[in-house]
Amino acid sequence: MPHHPVSPLVIGIYLLLLAAGMVVVSNLPQLDFIAAWQNPESIITVRVFQFISDSISYVSLGVPVIVAAAKEFKGQSDKKQSRLSLLYVLLSIGVAGLMSYIMKKTFSAPRPYEVDPRIVQLSAGGGYSLPSGHTTEAFASASALLLLFPRWTVFIPLFCWASLVGLSRIYLGVHYPFDIFAGMCIGSCSSLTLYFFLFQKYLNRSSTK
């Protein structure tokens, strides 16, 4: 089986950085940070972050569907591989979402605006706080697409977008920074696990036929 361009060393460093981020933010005054950062009177800033937050499904699901649909109508493309790729992205998002749901029910953590009266709820955020479901979905999709298309032109825009989704959830008062790092970890690990332990061999086999 050919080696994937995204090396185990890079993946290991990335996951270690996520773990370090979770440790660091857990020891910081997260509520003070959110309260100081929020500015509900800045209508433009609020609406920009709301737009980024609401873009989650359009980008995380829309991009892989558009790519798969484009290949369906391209005569020389490998349609089986494109369908497997789409299935992989959708399963990554689904598994990550299920893990996020289980964790929310397990920890039952209140949201920042429910704990601190200084923090304003600027976005919908039903249920519990830990982890961020938006961030989990964004990083599951971004990580899966990077594994399928390992190039800088994919990595930079997708991970910038996914990171902005996480930041938007903090600014809007519905998640702690720790929730964001937890969502990044769950989303990324779901995509990595499904790819290297299940989908890689089928995608490689399809592409060599």
Protein backbone atom coordinates (compact mmCIF):
# COMPACT_ATOMS: atom_id res chain seq x y z
CA MET A 1 0.00 0.00 0.00
CA PRO A 2 1.50 3.41 -0.93
CA HIS A 3 2.33 5.85 1.85
CA HIS A 4 0.03 8.81 2.33
CA PRO A 5 1.62 12.24 1.73
CA VAL A 6 0.39 13.36 5.17
CA SER A 7 3.05 11.64 7.28
CA PRO A 8 2.49 10.06 10.71
CA LEU A 9 5.00 12.57 12.14
CA VAL A 10 2.91 15.53 10.97
CA ILE A 11 -0.26 13.93 12.30
CA GLY A 12 1.41 13.16 15.64
CA ILE A 13 2.65 16.75 16.03
CA TYR A 14 -0.79 18.09 15.15
CA LEU A 15 -2.54 15.89 17.73
CA LEU A 16 0.06 16.74 20.38
CA LEU A 17 -0.53 20.45 19.75
CA LEU A 18 -4.27 19.92 20.16
CA ALA A 19 -3.71 18.06 23.44
CA ALA A 20 -1.36 20.81 24.65
CA GLY A 21 -3.94 23.44 23.72
CA MET A 22 -6.59 21.64 25.77
CA VAL A 23 -4.30 21.53 28.81
CA VAL A 24 -3.33 25.20 28.50
CA VAL A 25 -6.84 26.63 28.06
CA SER A 26 -8.25 24.47 30.85
CA ASN A 27 -5.98 26.36 33.26
CA LEU A 28 -6.87 29.83 31.98
CA PRO A 29 -9.74 32.12 33.05
CA GLN A 30 -11.93 31.23 30.08
CA LEU A 31 -15.04 33.12 31.22
CA ASP A 32 -13.02 36.30 31.71
CA PHE A 33 -11.56 35.92 28.23
CA ILE A 34 -14.96 35.51 26.58
CA ALA A 35 -16.49 38.41 28.53
CA ALA A 36 -13.58 40.69 27.63
CA TRP A 37 -13.61 39.69 23.96
CA GLN A 38 -17.33 40.01 23.33
CA ASN A 39 -18.70 43.32 22.08
CA PRO A 40 -22.42 42.89 21.40
CA GLU A 41 -22.68 46.53 20.33
CA SER A 42 -20.41 45.87 17.34
CA ILE A 43 -23.17 44.75 15.01
CA ILE A 44 -20.86 44.08 12.05
CA THR A 45 -18.51 41.85 14.07
CA VAL A 46 -21.43 39.92 15.57
CA ARG A 47 -23.02 39.36 12.17
CA VAL A 48 -19.72 38.26 10.61
CA PHE A 49 -19.21 35.64 13.32
CA GLN A 50 -22.85 34.57 13.06
CA PHE A 51 -22.41 34.12 9.30
CA ILE A 52 -19.25 32.03 9.81
CA SER A 53 -20.97 29.94 12.47
CA ASP A 54 -24.04 29.36 10.30
CA SER A 55 -21.88 28.37 7.30
CA ILE A 56 -21.03 25.04 8.90
CA SER A 57 -23.34 22.70 7.00
CA TYR A 58 -23.09 24.58 3.70
CA VAL A 59 -19.30 24.16 3.65
CA SER A 60 -18.70 20.89 5.51
CA LEU A 61 -21.33 19.03 3.50
CA GLY A 62 -21.59 21.23 0.43
CA VAL A 63 -17.94 21.12 -0.64
CA PRO A 64 -17.60 17.29 -0.76
CA VAL A 65 -21.01 16.95 -2.44
CA ILE A 66 -20.07 19.49 -5.12
CA VAL A 67 -16.72 17.76 -5.73
CA ALA A 68 -18.40 14.36 -6.05
CA ALA A 69 -21.14 15.74 -8.30
CA ALA A 70 -18.59 17.39 -10.58
CA LYS A 71 -16.73 14.10 -10.99
CA GLU A 72 -19.98 12.30 -11.78
CA PHE A 73 -20.37 14.44 -14.88
CA LYS A 74 -16.72 14.28 -15.87
CA GLY A 75 -16.29 11.50 -18.42
CA GLN A 76 -12.75 10.36 -17.58
CA SER A 77 -13.06 10.47 -13.78
CA ASP A 78 -13.15 7.45 -11.49
CA LYS A 79 -16.75 7.62 -10.30
CA LYS A 80 -16.35 4.74 -7.84
CA GLN A 81 -13.50 6.52 -6.09
CA SER A 82 -15.40 9.80 -5.94
CA ARG A 83 -18.40 8.03 -4.38
CA LEU A 84 -16.19 6.29 -1.82
CA SER A 85 -14.57 9.63 -1.05
CA LEU A 86 -17.96 11.25 -0.48
CA LEU A 87 -19.05 8.35 1.74
CA TYR A 88 -15.84 8.71 3.74
CA VAL A 89 -16.39 12.44 4.36
CA LEU A 90 -20.03 11.93 5.33
CA LEU A 91 -19.16 9.06 7.68
CA SER A 92 -16.39 11.13 9.25
CA ILE A 93 -18.87 13.91 10.00
CA GLY A 94 -21.48 11.41 11.22
CA VAL A 95 -19.14 9.53 13.56
CA ALA A 96 -17.68 12.77 14.91
CA GLY A 97 -21.20 14.12 15.46
CA LEU A 98 -22.21 10.97 17.34
CA MET A 99 -19.16 11.18 19.58
CA SER A 100 -19.89 14.86 20.22
CA TYR A 101 -23.49 14.05 21.16
CA ILE A 102 -22.42 11.30 23.57
CA MET A 103 -19.90 13.60 25.25
CA LYS A 104 -22.46 16.38 25.62
CA LYS A 105 -24.86 14.00 27.35
CA THR A 106 -22.09 12.52 29.48
CA PHE A 107 -20.59 15.76 30.82
CA SER A 108 -23.74 17.94 30.74
CA ALA A 109 -21.60 21.08 30.89
CA PRO A 110 -23.48 24.41 30.95
CA ARG A 111 -22.73 27.02 28.31
CA PRO A 112 -20.73 30.17 29.16
CA TYR A 113 -23.73 32.53 28.97
CA GLU A 114 -25.56 30.28 31.43
CA VAL A 115 -22.73 30.56 33.97
CA ASP A 116 -21.55 34.16 33.69
CA PRO A 117 -24.02 37.09 33.40
CA ARG A 118 -21.34 39.18 31.69
CA ILE A 119 -21.50 36.89 28.64
CA VAL A 120 -24.24 37.44 26.07
CA GLN A 121 -25.75 34.66 23.98
CA LEU A 122 -25.34 35.84 20.38
CA SER A 123 -26.12 32.58 18.61
CA ALA A 124 -28.35 29.55 18.95
CA GLY A 125 -26.85 27.01 21.31
CA GLY A 126 -29.27 24.47 22.66
CA GLY A 127 -28.22 21.62 24.90
CA TYR A 128 -24.85 21.32 26.59
CA SER A 129 -21.50 22.95 25.96
CA LEU A 130 -18.73 20.31 25.84
CA PRO A 131 -17.66 19.80 23.07
CA SER A 132 -18.49 22.27 20.30
CA GLY A 133 -20.59 20.42 17.74
CA HIS A 134 -19.96 23.08 15.07
CA THR A 135 -16.19 22.80 15.54
CA THR A 136 -16.35 19.01 15.58
CA GLU A 137 -18.17 18.94 12.24
CA ALA A 138 -15.91 21.57 10.68
CA PHE A 139 -12.70 19.75 11.58
CA ALA A 140 -14.07 16.33 10.65
CA SER A 141 -14.86 17.64 7.17
CA ALA A 142 -11.66 19.66 6.80
CA SER A 143 -9.44 16.77 7.96
CA ALA A 144 -11.19 14.28 5.68
CA LEU A 145 -10.85 16.54 2.64
CA LEU A 146 -7.18 17.16 3.40
CA LEU A 147 -6.52 13.41 3.56
CA LEU A 148 -8.26 12.99 0.20
CA PHE A 149 -6.59 16.03 -1.40
CA PRO A 150 -3.26 16.55 0.43
CA ARG A 151 -2.17 19.92 -0.92
CA TRP A 152 -1.71 23.42 0.48
CA THR A 153 -4.50 24.85 -1.66
CA VAL A 154 -6.90 22.56 0.22
CA PHE A 155 -5.32 22.76 3.67
CA ILE A 156 -5.06 26.55 4.04
CA PRO A 157 -8.63 27.63 3.16
CA LEU A 158 -10.37 24.68 4.85
CA PHE A 159 -8.46 24.84 8.12
CA CYS A 160 -8.70 28.63 8.24
CA TRP A 161 -12.47 28.29 7.81
CA ALA A 162 -12.73 25.50 10.42
CA SER A 163 -10.67 27.54 12.90
CA LEU A 164 -12.88 30.59 12.33
CA VAL A 165 -15.94 28.45 13.03
CA GLY A 166 -14.42 27.52 16.39
CA LEU A 167 -13.53 31.13 17.20
CA SER A 168 -17.02 32.27 16.24
CA ARG A 169 -18.57 29.90 18.77
CA ILE A 170 -16.43 31.43 21.52
CA TYR A 171 -17.19 35.02 20.53
CA LEU A 172 -20.90 34.31 20.30
CA GLY A 173 -20.87 33.16 23.91
CA VAL A 174 -22.00 29.58 23.41
CA HIS A 175 -18.70 27.71 23.96
CA TYR A 176 -15.54 27.80 26.03
CA PRO A 177 -12.11 27.67 24.33
CA PHE A 178 -11.72 24.18 25.83
CA ASP A 179 -14.88 23.08 23.98
CA ILE A 180 -13.29 24.22 20.73
CA PHE A 181 -10.08 22.24 21.23
CA ALA A 182 -12.15 19.20 22.20
CA GLY A 183 -14.19 19.56 19.00
CA MET A 184 -11.03 19.91 16.92
CA CYS A 185 -9.64 16.73 18.48
CA ILE A 186 -12.84 14.69 18.02
CA GLY A 187 -13.39 15.81 14.43
CA SER A 188 -9.79 15.26 13.37
CA CYS A 189 -9.42 11.89 15.12
CA SER A 190 -12.66 10.60 13.59
CA SER A 191 -11.47 11.41 10.07
CA LEU A 192 -7.97 10.06 10.67
CA THR A 193 -9.21 6.81 12.19
CA LEU A 194 -11.76 6.10 9.46
CA TYR A 195 -9.28 6.89 6.71
CA PHE A 196 -6.25 4.92 7.84
CA PHE A 197 -8.12 1.94 9.33
CA LEU A 198 -10.95 1.57 6.84
CA PHE A 199 -11.09 3.71 3.73
CA GLN A 200 -7.50 4.10 2.57
CA LYS A 201 -7.13 0.60 1.16
CA TYR A 202 -10.39 0.82 -0.78
CA LEU A 203 -9.60 4.26 -2.19
CA ASN A 204 -6.12 3.12 -3.24
CA ARG A 205 -7.52 -0.08 -4.76
CA SER A 206 -10.14 1.91 -6.66
CA SER A 207 -7.62 4.40 -7.98
CA THR A 208 -5.27 1.68 -9.30
CA LYS A 209 -7.89 -0.10 -11.40
